[in-house]
């Protein structure tokens, strides 16, 4: 290729060499060094006047040094009268910080885009941005290439019985990526979601007010006490619909009321009844015309799990594809495993009135129901500070990984989709921490009955001991990533489950088409077998 110079940064020299090999050229000479105080120095070793310059620099473990090195190289090329400067960034650094996570947070990805533009870049080539809308941060053209055609081709050639496989997303944020791959391969897809059970403050003043709203119950009246009610209100509330009741009916009504209040939390085989039923008082039983009770105007209808005999009568086949489980420290546990959430909540639950909790909660299923209720209440409290439930759900992924490892927190995991006796392809854009991947793999294997699991991503960051932890997990059979991010050779050789897909041909073809002014639409199309 004439009038082209390809420079390699220090982040991923092996990938730059592979790109140059596909283009039948050699990396241009460039001296990269550091001063004793850590400053980066760049010296271009060849003429670049009126040349098209391509600087290959991906993210790595030394991400800040890589960014500064890239900016200096772009500035040096601009000062050398280069015709056009293109930054080839297979993994775009700080791509996960494309929006504010808090009121005083920074949109770091936009800042990186501004720095590149100011340094003098003319074009950016990258692969699978964490958020595609990041292209709007740049004032220059951006080619966001996709590794999906390469991954789909590998699946068709190397996954046995791939036509019976199921593509699964390990969180709600990756469903668009998963459905895209499932549509290409014409496969079914599923989703694994986790819900953190928070040990909130369960008190009599807040619990039952929120419980009616959470479960969509029609509650009669307000939470006023007996002394706040007028005799007229009390007589209307206590009057029988058809007149006077006999004493036997009154006794049965009183017994039903007491049983209802005692089983409000402990018994989950039936739906929670209204709590405004009160024992009739013989001094105030004045026959009056019954009026419609005042109902709470706003209720939030939520689906309540059905247990016991009612579950046997519920024959919707779609419900068979929804499986739940318990996660403690990122691993699936049995239903009778002691819950750390309940232990943390024991002090709060003991403050409830005796009429509601007469007996100790010893059944694991009942404990699970209470902890789920606590999660709903604490989520309602968080809504006050964050604005909407969507903001709570879209929390930082780093915090999600840390919460999975927290021994004091229990998570409820839900698998939607039929994976029994099938191969599961867990798909996401990057692998950084192992907790969510191991949790999803254990869920589809131990709860869903999957026979083989492939963890597939475009960028293999493998922070800390992620690769070693996934290698030890018995539920994970293969780890498939591209070489957009540099992986230490020692770690790659020590991991038998790791499969690396070469992305250099895709990048080299993008460089060639960009230089000759050809369309890159063909790079987004899937390969023909």
Protein backbone atom coordinates (compact mmCIF):
# COMPACT_ATOMS: atom_id res chain seq x y z
CA UNK A 1 0.00 0.00 0.00
CA UNK A 2 1.45 3.31 -1.08
CA UNK A 3 1.34 6.51 0.93
CA UNK A 4 0.48 4.56 4.09
CA UNK A 5 2.36 4.29 7.36
CA UNK A 6 1.21 2.04 10.20
CA UNK A 7 2.60 2.79 13.65
CA UNK A 8 2.33 0.47 16.61
CA UNK A 9 1.90 1.64 20.18
CA UNK A 10 3.22 -0.24 23.17
CA UNK A 11 -0.12 -1.68 24.25
CA UNK A 12 -0.57 -4.52 21.72
CA UNK A 13 2.44 -4.94 19.37
CA UNK A 14 1.45 -8.50 18.40
CA UNK A 15 -1.86 -7.33 16.98
CA UNK A 16 -0.13 -4.52 15.05
CA UNK A 17 2.31 -7.02 13.54
CA UNK A 18 -0.59 -9.25 12.43
CA UNK A 19 -2.35 -6.28 10.82
CA UNK A 20 0.79 -5.33 8.90
CA UNK A 21 1.25 -8.92 7.80
CA UNK A 22 -2.22 -8.98 6.23
CA UNK A 23 -1.42 -5.72 4.44
CA UNK A 24 2.01 -6.97 3.26
CA UNK A 25 3.89 -4.17 4.99
CA UNK A 26 5.99 -3.52 8.07
CA UNK A 27 5.29 -1.29 11.08
CA UNK A 28 6.82 2.15 10.60
CA UNK A 29 9.78 3.12 12.71
CA UNK A 30 8.93 4.89 15.91
CA UNK A 31 10.91 5.21 19.15
CA UNK A 32 8.85 5.04 22.32
CA UNK A 33 10.54 5.55 25.68
CA UNK A 34 9.99 6.95 29.15
CA UNK A 35 12.02 9.38 31.17
CA UNK A 36 13.05 8.63 34.72
CA UNK A 37 10.09 10.59 36.08
CA UNK A 38 7.58 8.58 34.00
CA UNK A 39 7.08 11.02 31.15
CA UNK A 40 6.45 9.51 27.69
CA UNK A 41 8.67 10.39 24.75
CA UNK A 42 7.83 9.70 21.07
CA UNK A 43 10.19 10.06 18.13
CA UNK A 44 8.92 9.34 14.57
CA UNK A 45 11.72 7.63 12.68
CA UNK A 46 10.60 8.12 9.06
CA UNK A 47 9.09 10.70 6.74
CA UNK A 48 5.31 10.99 7.05
CA UNK A 49 4.66 14.08 4.89
CA UNK A 50 1.37 13.71 2.95
CA UNK A 51 1.06 10.14 4.19
CA UNK A 52 -2.03 8.39 5.58
CA UNK A 53 -1.09 7.45 9.16
CA UNK A 54 -2.68 4.61 11.14
CA UNK A 55 -1.75 4.34 14.82
CA UNK A 56 -2.66 0.97 16.37
CA UNK A 57 -3.14 1.41 20.11
CA UNK A 58 -5.56 -0.64 22.19
CA UNK A 59 -6.31 -0.48 25.89
CA UNK A 60 -4.26 -2.58 28.29
CA UNK A 61 -3.49 -2.89 31.98
CA UNK A 62 -1.49 0.37 31.69
CA UNK A 63 -4.41 2.22 30.19
CA UNK A 64 -3.45 5.74 31.23
CA UNK A 65 0.06 5.41 29.79
CA UNK A 66 -1.41 4.01 26.58
CA UNK A 67 -3.78 6.95 26.17
CA UNK A 68 -1.05 9.51 26.75
CA UNK A 69 1.25 7.69 24.35
CA UNK A 70 -1.44 7.66 21.66
CA UNK A 71 -2.11 11.38 22.05
CA UNK A 72 1.58 12.21 21.77
CA UNK A 73 1.97 10.01 18.67
CA UNK A 74 -1.01 11.72 17.00
CA UNK A 75 0.39 15.13 17.82
CA UNK A 76 3.83 14.14 16.50
CA UNK A 77 2.32 12.91 13.23
CA UNK A 78 0.29 16.09 12.88
CA UNK A 79 3.43 18.12 13.39
CA UNK A 80 5.15 16.02 10.70
CA UNK A 81 2.63 17.17 8.04
CA UNK A 82 0.72 13.90 7.79
CA UNK A 83 -2.20 13.90 5.35
CA UNK A 84 -4.68 11.99 7.53
CA UNK A 85 -4.29 10.41 10.96
CA UNK A 86 -6.47 7.43 11.93
CA UNK A 87 -6.49 5.97 15.44
CA UNK A 88 -7.05 2.20 15.37
CA UNK A 89 -8.32 1.33 18.85
CA UNK A 90 -9.63 -2.27 18.96
CA UNK A 91 -10.67 -1.80 22.59
CA UNK A 92 -11.66 1.79 23.38
CA UNK A 93 -10.43 2.74 26.89
CA UNK A 94 -12.91 4.10 29.41
CA UNK A 95 -15.81 2.94 27.25
CA UNK A 96 -17.74 1.84 30.34
CA UNK A 97 -17.80 5.41 31.61
CA UNK A 98 -20.05 6.74 28.87
CA UNK A 99 -22.64 8.20 31.24
CA UNK A 100 -22.88 9.64 34.71
CA UNK A 101 -23.17 7.06 37.46
CA UNK A 102 -23.86 9.72 40.08
CA UNK A 103 -24.76 13.40 40.27
CA UNK A 104 -21.11 14.39 40.55
CA UNK A 105 -19.69 11.78 38.19
CA UNK A 106 -17.74 12.35 34.99
CA UNK A 107 -18.45 11.18 31.45
CA UNK A 108 -14.88 10.05 30.92
CA UNK A 109 -15.43 8.48 27.49
CA UNK A 110 -16.48 11.87 26.11
CA UNK A 111 -13.37 13.45 27.58
CA UNK A 112 -11.17 10.86 25.81
CA UNK A 113 -12.98 11.63 22.55
CA UNK A 114 -12.33 15.34 23.01
CA UNK A 115 -8.64 14.73 23.73
CA UNK A 116 -8.27 12.69 20.54
CA UNK A 117 -9.93 15.40 18.47
CA UNK A 118 -7.76 18.13 19.96
CA UNK A 119 -4.60 16.06 19.38
CA UNK A 120 -5.41 16.01 15.65
CA UNK A 121 -7.03 12.65 14.86
CA UNK A 122 -9.02 12.51 11.60
CA UNK A 123 -10.71 9.12 11.93
CA UNK A 124 -11.29 6.41 14.57
CA UNK A 125 -11.59 2.66 13.97
CA UNK A 126 -12.72 0.56 16.92
CA UNK A 127 -14.50 -2.72 17.67
CA UNK A 128 -17.72 -3.22 19.65
CA UNK A 129 -18.03 -0.08 21.72
CA UNK A 130 -19.60 -0.74 25.10
CA UNK A 131 -22.34 1.73 24.16
CA UNK A 132 -22.83 2.44 20.46
CA UNK A 133 -24.11 5.95 21.18
CA UNK A 134 -20.55 6.87 22.16
CA UNK A 135 -19.95 7.62 18.48
CA UNK A 136 -21.79 10.88 19.10
CA UNK A 137 -18.98 12.01 21.41
CA UNK A 138 -16.65 12.45 18.44
CA UNK A 139 -16.60 15.29 15.98
CA UNK A 140 -14.78 12.96 13.56
CA UNK A 141 -15.97 9.84 11.67
CA UNK A 142 -16.03 6.63 13.72
CA UNK A 143 -16.09 3.09 12.32
CA UNK A 144 -17.48 0.85 15.05
CA UNK A 145 -16.76 -2.61 13.69
CA UNK A 146 -18.51 -5.73 15.00
CA UNK A 147 -16.94 -9.04 15.99
CA UNK A 148 -20.31 -10.80 15.71
CA UNK A 149 -19.69 -12.22 12.18
CA UNK A 150 -16.39 -13.72 13.34
CA UNK A 151 -17.96 -15.18 16.49
CA UNK A 152 -20.96 -16.58 14.60
CA UNK A 153 -18.67 -18.26 12.08
CA UNK A 154 -16.62 -19.84 14.88
CA UNK A 155 -19.79 -21.14 16.53
CA UNK A 156 -20.98 -22.78 13.32
CA UNK A 157 -17.62 -24.51 12.81
CA UNK A 158 -16.60 -25.47 16.33
CA UNK A 159 -19.70 -25.92 18.53
CA UNK A 160 -21.22 -29.42 18.21
CA UNK A 161 -24.98 -29.40 17.59
CA UNK A 162 -24.97 -25.62 17.53
CA UNK A 163 -28.42 -25.54 15.94
CA UNK A 164 -29.86 -26.77 19.27
CA UNK A 165 -27.94 -24.22 21.36
CA UNK A 166 -29.41 -21.33 23.32
CA UNK A 167 -27.86 -17.85 23.49
CA UNK A 168 -28.13 -16.42 27.01
CA UNK A 169 -27.51 -12.92 28.37
CA UNK A 170 -26.06 -12.75 31.89
CA UNK A 171 -27.77 -9.42 32.60
CA UNK A 172 -30.55 -7.25 31.28
CA UNK A 173 -28.16 -4.80 29.63
CA UNK A 174 -26.82 -7.37 27.17
CA UNK A 175 -30.12 -8.56 25.72
CA UNK A 176 -29.78 -6.52 22.51
CA UNK A 177 -26.40 -8.10 21.76
CA UNK A 178 -27.71 -11.58 22.55
CA UNK A 179 -30.85 -11.29 20.45
CA UNK A 180 -28.76 -10.04 17.51
CA UNK A 181 -26.55 -13.16 17.60
CA UNK A 182 -29.58 -15.40 18.12
CA UNK A 183 -31.30 -13.92 15.07
CA UNK A 184 -28.22 -14.48 12.92
CA UNK A 185 -27.85 -18.11 13.98
CA UNK A 186 -31.65 -18.61 14.19
CA UNK A 187 -31.44 -19.84 17.77
CA UNK A 188 -33.52 -19.40 20.88
CA UNK A 189 -32.31 -17.00 23.51
CA UNK A 190 -32.67 -16.56 27.26
CA UNK A 191 -31.69 -14.20 30.05
CA UNK A 192 -30.27 -14.52 33.55
CA UNK A 193 -31.01 -11.71 35.99
CA UNK A 194 -29.98 -11.21 39.61
CA UNK A 195 -31.82 -9.29 42.30
CA UNK A 196 -29.97 -8.18 45.41
CA UNK A 197 -31.82 -8.79 48.67
CA UNK A 198 -31.00 -5.87 50.92
CA UNK A 199 -31.36 -6.10 54.70
CA UNK A 200 -33.60 -3.07 55.03
CA UNK A 201 -35.30 -1.74 58.16
CA UNK A 202 -38.49 -3.77 58.54
CA UNK A 203 -40.73 -1.89 60.99
CA UNK A 204 -44.42 -1.88 61.69
CA UNK A 205 -44.77 1.75 60.63
CA UNK A 206 -43.39 1.22 57.12
CA UNK A 207 -43.65 -2.44 56.27
CA UNK A 208 -47.34 -2.96 55.75
CA UNK A 209 -47.92 0.43 54.17
CA UNK A 210 -45.39 -0.48 51.46
CA UNK A 211 -46.53 -4.11 51.27
CA UNK A 212 -49.97 -3.13 49.98
CA UNK A 213 -48.44 -0.93 47.30
CA UNK A 214 -45.86 -3.52 46.29
CA UNK A 215 -48.31 -6.38 45.91
CA UNK A 216 -51.20 -4.33 44.49
CA UNK A 217 -53.67 -5.04 47.31
CA UNK A 218 -56.90 -3.07 47.60
CA UNK A 219 -56.72 -1.78 51.19
CA UNK A 220 -59.79 -0.45 52.97
CA UNK A 221 -59.40 2.80 54.82
CA UNK A 222 -56.24 4.36 56.07
CA UNK A 223 -53.75 3.43 58.79
CA UNK A 224 -55.55 5.42 61.45
CA UNK A 225 -56.06 3.84 64.85
CA UNK A 226 -59.39 3.09 66.46
CA UNK A 227 -59.35 6.27 68.54
CA UNK A 228 -59.00 8.44 65.43
CA UNK A 229 -62.19 7.11 63.90
CA UNK A 230 -65.62 8.59 64.46
CA UNK A 231 -68.49 6.37 65.63
CA UNK A 232 -70.12 6.73 62.23
CA UNK A 233 -67.03 5.44 60.42
CA UNK A 234 -66.69 2.57 62.86
CA UNK A 235 -70.31 1.55 62.51
CA UNK A 236 -70.08 1.59 58.72
CA UNK A 237 -66.92 -0.51 58.78
CA UNK A 238 -68.33 -3.02 61.26
CA UNK A 239 -71.84 -3.35 59.89
CA UNK A 240 -72.76 -6.67 58.30
CA UNK A 241 -73.80 -6.62 54.65
CA UNK A 242 -77.12 -8.36 55.30
CA UNK A 243 -77.91 -7.07 58.80
CA UNK A 244 -77.17 -8.72 62.14
CA UNK A 245 -74.98 -11.84 62.30
CA UNK A 246 -75.53 -14.71 64.72
CA UNK A 247 -72.95 -15.44 67.39
CA UNK A 248 -71.48 -18.42 65.51
CA UNK A 249 -70.79 -16.26 62.47
CA UNK A 250 -69.15 -13.66 64.70
CA UNK A 251 -66.87 -16.26 66.29
CA UNK A 252 -65.82 -17.64 62.91
CA UNK A 253 -65.22 -14.12 61.60
CA UNK A 254 -63.08 -13.29 64.63
CA UNK A 255 -61.08 -16.48 64.25
CA UNK A 256 -60.54 -15.79 60.56
CA UNK A 257 -59.36 -12.29 61.35
CA UNK A 258 -56.82 -13.51 63.92
CA UNK A 259 -55.58 -16.23 61.58
CA UNK A 260 -55.27 -13.71 58.78
CA UNK A 261 -53.12 -11.36 60.82
CA UNK A 262 -50.85 -14.13 62.08
CA UNK A 263 -50.27 -15.55 58.63
CA UNK A 264 -49.70 -12.22 56.89
CA UNK A 265 -45.96 -12.86 56.66
CA UNK A 266 -45.40 -16.48 57.64
CA UNK A 267 -47.87 -18.12 55.28
CA UNK A 268 -47.09 -17.65 51.60
CA UNK A 269 -49.39 -20.44 50.32
CA UNK A 270 -52.15 -17.85 50.00
CA UNK A 271 -52.25 -14.26 48.89
CA UNK A 272 -52.02 -11.57 51.52
CA UNK A 273 -55.56 -10.48 52.56
CA UNK A 274 -56.60 -6.95 53.46
CA UNK A 275 -55.61 -6.05 56.99
CA UNK A 276 -58.42 -3.65 57.84
CA UNK A 277 -60.81 -6.37 59.08
CA UNK A 278 -61.63 -5.66 62.72
CA UNK A 279 -63.47 -7.49 65.42
CA UNK A 280 -67.08 -6.39 65.74
CA UNK A 281 -67.89 -4.44 68.87
CA UNK A 282 -71.30 -5.20 70.48
CA UNK A 283 -71.59 -1.63 71.83
CA UNK A 284 -71.50 -0.08 68.36
CA UNK A 285 -73.43 -2.46 66.16
CA UNK A 286 -75.96 0.06 64.86
CA UNK A 287 -77.72 -1.12 61.68
CA UNK A 288 -76.86 1.35 58.99
CA UNK A 289 -76.85 1.34 55.25
CA UNK A 290 -73.50 -0.10 54.11
CA UNK A 291 -71.42 2.18 51.93
CA UNK A 292 -68.49 1.39 49.66
CA UNK A 293 -65.24 1.42 51.62
CA UNK A 294 -62.60 3.98 50.75
CA UNK A 295 -59.89 2.31 48.71
CA UNK A 296 -56.37 3.44 48.05
CA UNK A 297 -56.41 5.13 44.62
CA UNK A 298 -52.96 4.01 43.43
CA UNK A 299 -51.80 0.42 43.40
CA UNK A 300 -48.89 -1.15 41.59
CA UNK A 301 -49.87 -4.58 40.21
CA UNK A 302 -46.99 -7.03 40.43
CA UNK A 303 -46.95 -10.73 39.69
CA UNK A 304 -46.95 -12.75 42.93
CA UNK A 305 -45.43 -16.26 42.94
CA UNK A 306 -47.99 -19.05 43.24
CA UNK A 307 -47.19 -21.93 45.57
CA UNK A 308 -48.90 -25.06 46.83
CA UNK A 309 -52.06 -26.45 45.25
CA UNK A 310 -52.66 -23.31 43.23
CA UNK A 311 -49.36 -23.85 41.41
CA UNK A 312 -50.51 -27.29 40.24
CA UNK A 313 -53.60 -25.76 38.68
CA UNK A 314 -51.58 -23.12 36.83
CA UNK A 315 -50.87 -24.79 33.49
CA UNK A 316 -49.27 -21.99 31.51
CA UNK A 317 -46.40 -23.66 29.65
CA UNK A 318 -44.44 -20.42 29.50
CA UNK A 319 -44.01 -20.48 33.26
CA UNK A 320 -42.01 -23.69 32.94
CA UNK A 321 -39.22 -21.70 31.27
CA UNK A 322 -38.75 -19.45 34.33
CA UNK A 323 -36.41 -20.89 36.97
CA UNK A 324 -35.24 -19.17 40.15
CA UNK A 325 -32.38 -19.87 42.51
CA UNK A 326 -30.35 -18.41 45.37
CA UNK A 327 -26.88 -16.89 45.07
CA UNK A 328 -24.56 -16.43 48.02
CA UNK A 329 -21.04 -15.13 47.34
CA UNK A 330 -21.67 -15.58 43.63
CA UNK A 331 -22.52 -19.30 43.78
CA UNK A 332 -25.76 -21.23 43.55
CA UNK A 333 -26.87 -22.71 46.90
CA UNK A 334 -29.69 -25.03 47.97
CA UNK A 335 -33.03 -23.70 49.16
CA UNK A 336 -32.35 -24.79 52.76
CA UNK A 337 -29.01 -22.98 52.93
CA UNK A 338 -29.04 -20.35 55.75
CA UNK A 339 -29.64 -16.88 54.41
CA UNK A 340 -27.24 -14.09 55.47
CA UNK A 341 -29.94 -11.56 54.66
CA UNK A 342 -32.34 -13.06 57.20
CA UNK A 343 -29.59 -13.06 59.83
CA UNK A 344 -29.02 -9.36 59.29
CA UNK A 345 -32.77 -8.71 59.39
CA UNK A 346 -33.50 -10.67 62.57
CA UNK A 347 -33.24 -7.60 64.81
CA UNK A 348 -35.61 -5.61 62.62
CA UNK A 349 -38.17 -8.39 62.30
CA UNK A 350 -38.28 -8.86 66.08
CA UNK A 351 -39.66 -5.33 66.42
CA UNK A 352 -42.90 -6.28 64.67
CA UNK A 353 -46.08 -6.55 66.81
CA UNK A 354 -46.72 -9.95 68.33
CA UNK A 355 -50.04 -10.35 66.54
CA UNK A 356 -48.20 -10.53 63.22
CA UNK A 357 -45.21 -12.64 64.24
CA UNK A 358 -46.33 -15.00 66.98
CA UNK A 359 -44.10 -17.84 65.93
CA UNK A 360 -40.47 -17.83 64.78
CA UNK A 361 -39.82 -17.88 61.06
CA UNK A 362 -38.07 -21.20 60.58
CA UNK A 363 -39.14 -22.31 57.13
CA UNK A 364 -36.55 -21.43 54.44
CA UNK A 365 -39.32 -20.65 51.96
CA UNK A 366 -40.87 -18.20 54.41
CA UNK A 367 -37.47 -16.64 55.04
CA UNK A 368 -37.01 -16.22 51.31
CA UNK A 369 -40.37 -14.45 51.05
CA UNK A 370 -39.51 -12.04 53.85
CA UNK A 371 -36.12 -11.19 52.37
CA UNK A 372 -37.72 -10.60 48.98
CA UNK A 373 -40.23 -8.26 50.63
CA UNK A 374 -37.35 -6.41 52.28
CA UNK A 375 -35.73 -5.99 48.87
CA UNK A 376 -38.91 -4.39 47.54
CA UNK A 377 -39.12 -1.98 50.46
CA UNK A 378 -35.49 -0.90 50.27
CA UNK A 379 -35.85 -0.47 46.51
CA UNK A 380 -38.79 1.85 47.16
CA UNK A 381 -36.61 3.84 49.53
CA UNK A 382 -33.84 4.09 46.94
CA UNK A 383 -36.35 5.42 44.44
CA UNK A 384 -36.63 8.53 46.57
CA UNK A 385 -32.95 9.35 46.03
CA UNK A 386 -32.38 8.15 42.48
CA UNK A 387 -35.64 9.19 40.84
CA UNK A 388 -36.78 5.95 39.17
CA UNK A 389 -36.37 2.22 39.52
CA UNK A 390 -34.49 2.19 36.21
CA UNK A 391 -31.63 4.12 37.75
CA UNK A 392 -31.38 1.57 40.53
CA UNK A 393 -31.36 -1.30 38.02
CA UNK A 394 -28.67 0.31 35.88
CA UNK A 395 -26.07 0.47 38.65
CA UNK A 396 -22.37 0.26 38.04
CA UNK A 397 -21.20 -3.13 36.84
CA UNK A 398 -18.21 -2.93 39.14
CA UNK A 399 -20.53 -2.57 42.13
CA UNK A 400 -22.59 -5.52 40.90
CA UNK A 401 -19.53 -7.73 40.78
CA UNK A 402 -18.49 -6.66 44.28
CA UNK A 403 -21.97 -7.27 45.67
CA UNK A 404 -21.94 -10.82 44.31
CA UNK A 405 -18.80 -11.49 46.34
CA UNK A 406 -20.20 -9.91 49.51
CA UNK A 407 -20.92 -12.73 52.02
CA UNK A 408 -23.48 -10.57 53.81
CA UNK A 409 -25.74 -10.28 50.75
CA UNK A 410 -27.99 -12.84 49.13
CA UNK A 411 -29.13 -12.58 45.53
CA UNK A 412 -32.10 -14.17 43.84
CA UNK A 413 -31.23 -15.30 40.32
CA UNK A 414 -33.86 -15.88 37.64
CA UNK A 415 -33.37 -17.84 34.43
CA UNK A 416 -35.84 -17.20 31.64
CA UNK A 417 -35.63 -19.72 28.82
CA UNK A 418 -35.44 -23.48 28.32
CA UNK A 419 -31.81 -24.71 28.38
CA UNK A 420 -32.33 -28.27 29.57
CA UNK A 421 -29.98 -30.74 27.83
CA UNK A 422 -28.77 -27.98 25.49
CA UNK A 423 -25.57 -26.09 24.83
CA UNK A 424 -25.62 -22.57 26.27
CA UNK A 425 -23.74 -19.63 24.74
CA UNK A 426 -23.41 -16.87 27.36
CA UNK A 427 -22.70 -13.68 25.42
CA UNK A 428 -21.48 -10.21 26.39
CA UNK A 429 -19.17 -7.53 25.04
CA UNK A 430 -16.34 -8.01 27.57
CA UNK A 431 -15.09 -10.26 30.36
CA UNK A 432 -13.54 -8.30 33.22
CA UNK A 433 -14.61 -9.91 36.52
CA UNK A 434 -15.57 -13.56 36.91
CA UNK A 435 -18.39 -13.37 39.46
CA UNK A 436 -21.32 -12.66 37.12
CA UNK A 437 -20.08 -15.17 34.53
CA UNK A 438 -19.69 -17.95 37.09
CA UNK A 439 -23.10 -17.14 38.58
CA UNK A 440 -24.76 -17.33 35.15
CA UNK A 441 -22.95 -20.56 34.26
CA UNK A 442 -23.92 -22.25 37.52
CA UNK A 443 -27.51 -21.10 37.08
CA UNK A 444 -27.95 -22.60 33.60
CA UNK A 445 -26.17 -25.85 34.60
CA UNK A 446 -27.39 -26.52 38.14
CA UNK A 447 -30.85 -25.01 37.78
CA UNK A 448 -31.52 -25.13 34.08
CA UNK A 449 -29.88 -28.48 33.30
CA UNK A 450 -27.61 -27.28 30.48
CA UNK A 451 -25.01 -29.79 29.30
CA UNK A 452 -22.26 -27.41 28.10
CA UNK A 453 -21.49 -23.70 28.57
CA UNK A 454 -19.49 -21.35 26.33
CA UNK A 455 -18.61 -17.91 27.72
CA UNK A 456 -18.20 -15.64 24.68
CA UNK A 457 -17.13 -11.99 24.54
CA UNK A 458 -15.37 -9.58 22.22
CA UNK A 459 -12.91 -8.09 24.71
CA UNK A 460 -11.10 -10.31 27.20
CA UNK A 461 -9.91 -7.90 29.91
CA UNK A 462 -9.60 -10.60 32.62
CA UNK A 463 -8.89 -8.31 35.55
CA UNK A 464 -7.33 -9.63 38.76
CA UNK A 465 -7.71 -13.44 38.91
CA UNK A 466 -10.69 -13.57 36.55
CA UNK A 467 -9.15 -16.02 34.09
CA UNK A 468 -7.98 -18.41 36.82
CA UNK A 469 -11.38 -18.35 38.55
CA UNK A 470 -13.24 -19.12 35.33
CA UNK A 471 -10.75 -21.90 34.61
CA UNK A 472 -11.55 -23.49 37.99
CA UNK A 473 -15.32 -23.27 37.48
CA UNK A 474 -16.64 -26.72 36.57
CA UNK A 475 -19.75 -25.28 34.92
CA UNK A 476 -17.74 -23.38 32.26
CA UNK A 477 -16.39 -25.46 29.37
CA UNK A 478 -14.91 -22.83 27.05
CA UNK A 479 -13.95 -19.15 27.23
CA UNK A 480 -14.02 -17.53 23.79
CA UNK A 481 -12.69 -13.98 23.23
CA UNK A 482 -10.96 -12.03 20.46
CA UNK A 483 -7.46 -10.58 20.68
CA UNK A 484 -8.56 -6.93 20.81
CA UNK A 485 -7.12 -6.72 24.32
CA UNK A 486 -3.61 -8.02 25.10
CA UNK A 487 -3.58 -11.19 27.21
CA UNK A 488 -0.32 -12.27 28.86
CA UNK A 489 1.16 -15.27 27.08
CA UNK A 490 1.75 -17.11 30.36
CA UNK A 491 -1.91 -16.77 31.38
CA UNK A 492 -3.14 -17.83 27.94
CA UNK A 493 -1.00 -20.97 27.95
CA UNK A 494 -2.06 -21.89 31.49
CA UNK A 495 -5.76 -21.71 30.63
CA UNK A 496 -6.92 -24.75 28.70
CA UNK A 497 -10.45 -23.42 28.28
CA UNK A 498 -9.36 -20.20 26.58
CA UNK A 499 -9.98 -19.78 22.84
CA UNK A 500 -8.60 -16.68 21.09
CA UNK A 501 -10.14 -15.43 17.84
CA UNK A 502 -7.91 -13.32 15.60
CA UNK A 503 -9.43 -9.92 14.84
CA UNK A 504 -6.44 -8.67 12.79
CA UNK A 505 -7.99 -9.50 9.39
CA UNK A 506 -11.08 -7.42 10.18
CA UNK A 507 -8.96 -4.43 11.20
CA UNK A 508 -6.56 -4.74 8.26
CA UNK A 509 -9.44 -4.87 5.80
CA UNK A 510 -10.97 -1.79 7.43
CA UNK A 511 -7.64 0.03 7.01
CA UNK A 512 -7.34 -0.99 3.37
CA UNK A 513 -10.90 0.03 2.49
CA UNK A 514 -10.54 3.29 4.36
CA UNK A 515 -7.32 4.15 2.52
CA UNK A 516 -8.75 3.44 -0.93
CA UNK A 517 -12.10 5.08 -0.22
CA UNK A 518 -14.10 1.85 -0.44
CA UNK A 519 -17.24 1.04 1.48
CA UNK A 520 -16.87 -0.92 4.73
CA UNK A 521 -20.45 -2.24 4.69
CA UNK A 522 -19.17 -5.66 3.69
CA UNK A 523 -17.33 -5.93 7.03
CA UNK A 524 -20.65 -5.96 8.89
CA UNK A 525 -22.02 -8.85 6.84
CA UNK A 526 -21.75 -12.43 8.02
CA UNK A 527 -19.45 -14.93 6.38
CA UNK A 528 -20.79 -17.60 4.08
CA UNK A 529 -19.85 -21.15 4.95
